[in-house]
Amino acid sequence: MPASFSTNTAELENLLGYRFRNEGLLAEALTHTSFQYENSGAQTAHNERLEFLGDSILGLVMAEALFVRDSRLSEAGMSKIKSYLVNKSVLYEIATGLSLGSFVRLGRGEESTGGRHKRSILSDAVEALFGAVYLDSDYKTVNELILRLYAGKIAEAIANKEGYDFKSELQERSQAAFGTLPEYRIVRQEGEEHRKIFTAEVYINEKSRGTGSGKSKKEAEINAAKEALEKMPASD
């Protein structure tokens, strides 16, 4: 069902689990540049400044959460997972859960081109909301709100090593340990043409180190690299 505009921001506040003291901050967070451009007399600023602030706050919350939750994570590991958690795809998922497309204020031109469903607009609006909540309250409050909206996503990202470039990591470790690069071979293709499943094996010095499957050759190779890393001893 397409999103339609709603001025009942109390619904959004209920979904956020936060009630604004300064409703002007909420209005600003929900105002896209296209709305202000087409409504020169509008008193509400657009949300780009709040987005900038919210982006920095989100980064700090995620960095702190990763640091506290798993002491085994290296600096590089935390950096990769943090990059995944703050990317537009994850923010878009959060925006969808908040039905945010129903509340953003858009110009007519942006509205006519499906702006209420655009990943960039909605993910930016989520960050702007974080900035607005921070200014309306304090860091502790926005920290708790962000962690609530990210419920399950952080633990899942740690468990799945989201954001890791498994092929690059295997390449680095293979060069360091063996002085050679891994070689990937597609060993099997199954299924109909539009539903193929590929199976890849990764070899180092002609020895099979890992196997992986996926809906594309790239996905199969990534999963093979992941298995190879899991099997490879630290001293190997």
Protein backbone atom coordinates (compact mmCIF):
# COMPACT_ATOMS: atom_id res chain seq x y z
CA MET A 1 0.00 0.00 0.00
CA PRO A 2 1.50 3.38 -0.98
CA ALA A 3 2.36 5.74 1.83
CA SER A 4 0.10 8.76 2.18
CA PHE A 5 0.86 11.94 4.06
CA SER A 6 -0.26 12.21 7.67
CA THR A 7 -0.03 15.27 9.91
CA ASN A 8 -0.78 13.16 12.99
CA THR A 9 2.78 13.05 14.27
CA ALA A 10 1.53 11.66 17.59
CA GLU A 11 1.34 8.30 15.77
CA LEU A 12 5.02 8.58 14.90
CA GLU A 13 5.90 9.58 18.47
CA ASN A 14 4.10 6.45 19.69
CA LEU A 15 6.13 4.33 17.30
CA LEU A 16 9.34 6.04 18.43
CA GLY A 17 8.42 5.65 22.06
CA TYR A 18 9.32 9.29 22.60
CA ARG A 19 7.19 12.43 23.07
CA PHE A 20 8.76 15.69 21.89
CA ARG A 21 8.71 18.72 24.15
CA ASN A 22 9.63 20.94 21.20
CA GLU A 23 7.38 19.87 18.34
CA GLY A 24 9.26 22.25 16.07
CA LEU A 25 12.26 19.93 16.17
CA LEU A 26 10.09 17.03 15.07
CA ALA A 27 8.63 19.09 12.23
CA GLU A 28 12.12 20.08 11.11
CA ALA A 29 13.32 16.47 11.16
CA LEU A 30 10.43 15.51 8.88
CA THR A 31 10.88 18.37 6.38
CA HIS A 32 12.70 17.51 3.17
CA THR A 33 14.57 20.20 1.24
CA SER A 34 12.04 19.91 -1.62
CA PHE A 35 9.22 21.06 0.69
CA GLN A 36 11.07 24.16 1.85
CA TYR A 37 12.15 24.97 -1.70
CA GLU A 38 8.55 24.93 -2.93
CA ASN A 39 7.22 26.72 0.16
CA SER A 40 9.48 29.72 0.54
CA GLY A 41 7.27 31.12 3.30
CA ALA A 42 7.55 27.99 5.43
CA GLN A 43 8.89 28.74 8.88
CA THR A 44 10.28 25.24 9.43
CA ALA A 45 13.85 24.58 8.31
CA HIS A 46 14.65 21.48 6.25
CA ASN A 47 16.27 18.50 7.96
CA GLU A 48 19.80 18.44 6.53
CA ARG A 49 21.45 19.97 9.60
CA LEU A 50 19.64 17.58 11.92
CA GLU A 51 20.63 14.71 9.63
CA PHE A 52 24.29 15.71 10.00
CA LEU A 53 23.98 15.75 13.77
CA GLY A 54 22.01 12.50 13.90
CA ASP A 55 24.56 10.71 11.73
CA SER A 56 27.33 11.54 14.22
CA ILE A 57 25.19 10.51 17.19
CA LEU A 58 24.26 7.21 15.55
CA GLY A 59 27.92 6.48 14.85
CA LEU A 60 28.82 7.07 18.50
CA VAL A 61 25.96 4.90 19.78
CA MET A 62 26.93 2.04 17.48
CA ALA A 63 30.64 2.33 18.32
CA GLU A 64 29.87 2.27 22.04
CA ALA A 65 27.46 -0.65 21.70
CA LEU A 66 29.95 -2.76 19.75
CA PHE A 67 32.78 -1.92 22.16
CA VAL A 68 30.72 -2.96 25.18
CA ARG A 69 28.97 -6.03 23.75
CA ASP A 70 31.89 -8.10 22.48
CA SER A 71 35.42 -7.66 23.81
CA ARG A 72 36.71 -10.05 21.12
CA LEU A 73 36.00 -7.57 18.32
CA SER A 74 39.09 -5.91 16.92
CA GLU A 75 39.20 -2.28 15.85
CA ALA A 76 38.85 -3.37 12.22
CA GLY A 77 36.00 -5.71 13.11
CA MET A 78 34.09 -3.02 14.97
CA SER A 79 34.67 -0.57 12.13
CA LYS A 80 33.25 -2.95 9.53
CA ILE A 81 30.18 -3.88 11.56
CA LYS A 82 29.55 -0.24 12.48
CA SER A 83 29.67 0.72 8.79
CA TYR A 84 27.06 -1.92 8.08
CA LEU A 85 24.76 -0.84 10.94
CA VAL A 86 24.74 2.84 9.96
CA ASN A 87 24.31 2.32 6.22
CA LYS A 88 21.22 3.45 4.35
CA SER A 89 19.85 -0.07 3.92
CA VAL A 90 19.56 -0.65 7.68
CA LEU A 91 18.26 2.89 8.26
CA TYR A 92 15.65 2.28 5.55
CA GLU A 93 14.49 -0.85 7.39
CA ILE A 94 14.05 1.24 10.53
CA ALA A 95 12.21 3.94 8.57
CA THR A 96 9.86 1.31 7.16
CA GLY A 97 9.15 -0.02 10.64
CA LEU A 98 8.20 3.52 11.72
CA SER A 99 6.03 4.08 8.60
CA LEU A 100 8.16 7.18 8.18
CA GLY A 101 7.12 7.68 4.57
CA SER A 102 3.69 8.67 5.85
CA PHE A 103 5.06 11.59 7.86
CA VAL A 104 7.81 13.27 5.83
CA ARG A 105 6.94 16.63 4.29
CA LEU A 106 7.85 16.68 0.60
CA GLY A 107 7.54 19.10 -2.27
CA ARG A 108 5.04 18.28 -4.99
CA GLY A 109 7.76 17.30 -7.43
CA GLU A 110 9.39 14.86 -5.01
CA GLU A 111 5.97 13.54 -4.03
CA SER A 112 5.07 12.81 -7.65
CA THR A 113 8.23 10.76 -8.19
CA GLY A 114 7.66 8.41 -5.27
CA GLY A 115 9.68 10.30 -2.68
CA ARG A 116 7.81 8.68 0.20
CA HIS A 117 9.43 5.39 -0.70
CA LYS A 118 12.93 6.62 -1.60
CA ARG A 119 15.68 4.98 0.43
CA SER A 120 17.81 8.14 0.59
CA ILE A 121 14.99 10.40 1.81
CA LEU A 122 13.75 8.00 4.48
CA SER A 123 17.18 6.98 5.77
CA ASP A 124 18.18 10.65 6.02
CA ALA A 125 14.95 11.41 7.91
CA VAL A 126 15.75 8.68 10.46
CA GLU A 127 19.12 10.31 11.17
CA ALA A 128 17.40 13.70 11.42
CA LEU A 129 15.01 12.24 13.99
CA PHE A 130 17.97 11.04 16.06
CA GLY A 131 19.42 14.54 15.96
CA ALA A 132 16.08 16.05 16.95
CA VAL A 133 15.59 13.68 19.88
CA TYR A 134 19.10 14.48 21.13
CA LEU A 135 18.47 18.24 21.04
CA ASP A 136 15.07 17.77 22.65
CA SER A 137 16.43 15.63 25.50
CA ASP A 138 19.97 14.32 26.07
CA TYR A 139 22.45 11.67 24.96
CA LYS A 140 21.17 9.01 27.38
CA THR A 141 17.64 9.31 25.99
CA VAL A 142 18.63 9.18 22.33
CA ASN A 143 21.03 6.32 23.06
CA GLU A 144 18.19 4.28 24.58
CA LEU A 145 15.87 5.15 21.69
CA ILE A 146 18.40 4.13 19.03
CA LEU A 147 19.22 0.85 20.77
CA ARG A 148 15.50 0.10 21.05
CA LEU A 149 14.97 0.71 17.32
CA TYR A 150 18.03 -1.42 16.55
CA ALA A 151 16.80 -4.24 18.80
CA GLY A 152 18.29 -7.51 17.56
CA LYS A 153 20.17 -5.90 14.66
CA ILE A 154 23.42 -5.33 16.57
CA ALA A 155 23.64 -8.86 17.98
CA GLU A 156 22.74 -10.30 14.56
CA ALA A 157 25.37 -8.19 12.83
CA ILE A 158 28.04 -9.36 15.29
CA ALA A 159 27.00 -13.00 14.94
CA ASN A 160 26.94 -12.85 11.13
CA LYS A 161 30.04 -10.64 10.88
CA GLU A 162 28.04 -8.23 8.73
CA GLY A 163 30.15 -5.80 6.79
CA TYR A 164 33.16 -8.10 6.66
CA ASP A 165 34.89 -8.46 3.32
CA PHE A 166 35.64 -12.16 3.67
CA LYS A 167 37.40 -12.44 0.31
CA SER A 168 39.78 -9.58 1.07
CA GLU A 169 40.53 -10.93 4.53
CA LEU A 170 41.24 -14.40 3.14
CA GLN A 171 43.47 -12.89 0.48
CA GLU A 172 45.51 -11.02 3.11
CA ARG A 173 45.86 -14.07 5.34
CA SER A 174 46.71 -16.35 2.42
CA GLN A 175 49.45 -14.02 1.23
CA ALA A 176 50.87 -13.69 4.74
CA ALA A 177 50.79 -17.43 5.49
CA PHE A 178 51.50 -18.98 2.08
CA GLY A 179 52.77 -16.21 -0.17
CA THR A 180 50.01 -16.90 -2.68
CA LEU A 181 46.46 -15.83 -3.50
CA PRO A 182 43.32 -17.95 -3.06
CA GLU A 183 41.76 -19.40 -6.20
CA TYR A 184 37.98 -19.73 -6.55
CA ARG A 185 36.33 -22.41 -8.65
CA ILE A 186 32.63 -22.81 -9.38
CA VAL A 187 32.18 -26.55 -8.92
CA ARG A 188 28.42 -26.89 -9.27
CA GLN A 189 25.35 -25.14 -10.71
CA GLU A 190 21.87 -26.37 -9.86
CA GLY A 191 18.30 -25.31 -10.51
CA GLU A 192 16.38 -23.57 -13.27
CA GLU A 193 17.99 -20.72 -15.19
CA HIS A 194 16.30 -17.98 -13.13
CA ARG A 195 16.74 -19.85 -9.84
CA LYS A 196 20.26 -21.19 -10.07
CA ILE A 197 22.28 -22.08 -6.99
CA PHE A 198 26.04 -21.91 -7.42
CA THR A 199 28.60 -23.78 -5.32
CA ALA A 200 32.17 -22.52 -5.12
CA GLU A 201 35.34 -23.94 -3.62
CA VAL A 202 38.34 -21.86 -2.66
CA TYR A 203 41.82 -23.36 -3.05
CA ILE A 204 45.12 -22.25 -1.56
CA ASN A 205 48.18 -24.02 -2.90
CA GLU A 206 45.86 -26.44 -4.70
CA LYS A 207 44.26 -27.48 -1.39
CA SER A 208 40.51 -26.97 -0.93
CA ARG A 209 40.03 -24.66 2.04
CA GLY A 210 36.31 -23.88 1.97
CA THR A 211 33.02 -24.42 0.15
CA GLY A 212 30.07 -22.09 -0.18
CA SER A 213 26.78 -21.79 -2.04
CA GLY A 214 24.70 -18.82 -3.15
CA LYS A 215 22.29 -17.40 -5.70
CA SER A 216 25.19 -15.87 -7.60
CA LYS A 217 28.80 -16.83 -8.23
CA LYS A 218 29.90 -13.87 -6.10
CA GLU A 219 27.76 -14.93 -3.14
CA ALA A 220 29.04 -18.51 -3.42
CA GLU A 221 32.66 -17.30 -3.42
CA ILE A 222 32.05 -15.06 -0.39
CA ASN A 223 30.57 -17.96 1.54
CA ALA A 224 33.48 -20.20 0.53
CA ALA A 225 35.93 -17.56 1.80
CA LYS A 226 33.97 -17.30 5.05
CA GLU A 227 34.22 -21.05 5.63
CA ALA A 228 37.93 -21.03 4.78
CA LEU A 229 38.56 -18.31 7.37
CA GLU A 230 36.61 -20.23 10.00
CA LYS A 231 38.71 -23.34 9.34
CA MET A 232 42.04 -21.58 9.09
CA PRO A 233 44.01 -21.65 12.38
CA ALA A 234 45.44 -18.32 13.50
CA SER A 235 48.95 -19.64 12.87
CA ASP A 236 48.10 -21.24 9.50
